[in-house]
Amino acid sequence: MYIYPDNLKSKATLWLWQLRDIGVIGVCALLSVLALTQTGLFFPAVATAVYAFLTIRVEDISILDFIRYACEYFFLRQQFYEWRYMG
């Protein structure tokens, strides 16, 4: 008997990240190590660590998702307000 999570509709995860994020973190870590050894720049390693922290998933949401939703709500999507006089 096989038990599948969420009826095969959930995204693939490994530890605390989605597999896509693991791939991005791995490639960025490789590039940041290369940049650190060749040029001595720490910024790519810091950016990779920040991205890894922001993409940690807890209960199917990450901090990066929350920031993305907040920016979309406040800056990118027009809000619609309707004013009426109820009197």
Protein backbone atom coordinates (compact mmCIF):
# COMPACT_ATOMS: atom_id res chain seq x y z
CA MET A 1 0.00 0.00 0.00
CA TYR A 2 1.37 3.39 -1.02
CA ILE A 3 0.44 6.61 0.72
CA TYR A 4 0.74 9.71 -1.45
CA PRO A 5 0.69 13.22 0.05
CA ASP A 6 -2.25 15.40 -0.92
CA ASN A 7 -3.49 13.03 -3.62
CA LEU A 8 -0.43 13.74 -5.82
CA LYS A 9 -1.40 17.41 -6.10
CA SER A 10 1.22 18.91 -3.79
CA LYS A 11 4.54 20.17 -5.07
CA ALA A 12 7.65 18.07 -4.54
CA THR A 13 9.57 19.11 -1.44
CA LEU A 14 12.86 18.10 0.12
CA TRP A 15 13.46 19.01 3.75
CA LEU A 16 12.10 22.56 4.06
CA TRP A 17 12.30 23.66 0.40
CA GLN A 18 10.60 22.86 -2.87
CA LEU A 19 12.80 21.00 -5.33
CA ARG A 20 12.95 24.04 -7.62
CA ASP A 21 14.32 26.12 -4.75
CA ILE A 22 16.89 23.41 -3.92
CA GLY A 23 18.10 23.58 -7.53
CA VAL A 24 18.32 27.38 -7.50
CA ILE A 25 20.13 27.35 -4.14
CA GLY A 26 22.57 24.71 -5.40
CA VAL A 27 23.43 26.59 -8.59
CA CYS A 28 23.72 29.91 -6.74
CA ALA A 29 25.91 28.30 -4.06
CA LEU A 30 28.20 26.91 -6.73
CA LEU A 31 28.43 30.29 -8.45
CA SER A 32 28.96 32.11 -5.15
CA VAL A 33 31.81 29.76 -4.19
CA LEU A 34 33.33 30.37 -7.60
CA ALA A 35 32.98 34.15 -7.17
CA LEU A 36 34.43 33.96 -3.66
CA THR A 37 37.50 31.99 -4.73
CA GLN A 38 38.19 33.93 -7.92
CA THR A 39 37.36 37.51 -6.93
CA GLY A 40 36.94 37.48 -3.16
CA LEU A 41 33.37 38.79 -3.30
CA PHE A 42 31.12 37.76 -0.42
CA PHE A 43 27.92 39.31 -1.81
CA PRO A 44 26.84 36.28 -3.91
CA ALA A 45 27.21 33.99 -0.89
CA VAL A 46 25.17 36.37 1.26
CA ALA A 47 22.49 36.67 -1.44
CA THR A 48 22.32 32.87 -1.71
CA ALA A 49 21.96 32.50 2.07
CA VAL A 50 19.21 35.16 2.16
CA TYR A 51 17.35 33.43 -0.69
CA ALA A 52 17.69 30.07 1.08
CA PHE A 53 16.27 31.57 4.27
CA LEU A 54 13.38 33.33 2.52
CA THR A 55 12.30 30.19 0.65
CA ILE A 56 11.98 27.92 3.71
CA ARG A 57 8.46 26.50 3.58
CA VAL A 58 6.34 26.09 6.70
CA GLU A 59 2.78 24.86 6.18
CA ASP A 60 3.06 25.36 2.41
CA ILE A 61 3.98 29.08 2.52
CA SER A 62 7.33 30.84 2.64
CA ILE A 63 8.47 34.28 3.67
CA LEU A 64 9.24 35.04 0.02
CA ASP A 65 5.64 34.20 -0.94
CA PHE A 66 4.35 36.52 1.79
CA ILE A 67 6.61 39.36 0.57
CA ARG A 68 5.51 38.72 -3.02
CA TYR A 69 1.81 38.82 -2.04
CA ALA A 70 2.31 42.01 0.01
CA CYS A 71 4.12 43.79 -2.85
CA GLU A 72 1.44 42.73 -5.28
CA TYR A 73 -1.31 43.94 -2.96
CA PHE A 74 0.26 47.29 -2.05
CA PHE A 75 2.15 48.24 -5.22
CA LEU A 76 1.25 46.20 -8.30
CA ARG A 77 -2.49 45.53 -8.25
CA GLN A 78 -4.94 48.40 -8.36
CA GLN A 79 -7.34 48.44 -5.46
CA PHE A 80 -11.01 49.18 -6.09
CA TYR A 81 -12.94 51.18 -3.53
CA GLU A 82 -16.61 52.00 -3.81
CA TRP A 83 -18.01 54.86 -1.79
CA ARG A 84 -21.72 55.12 -1.09
CA TYR A 85 -23.84 57.32 1.01
CA MET A 86 -26.18 55.18 3.07
CA GLY A 87 -28.48 57.71 4.60
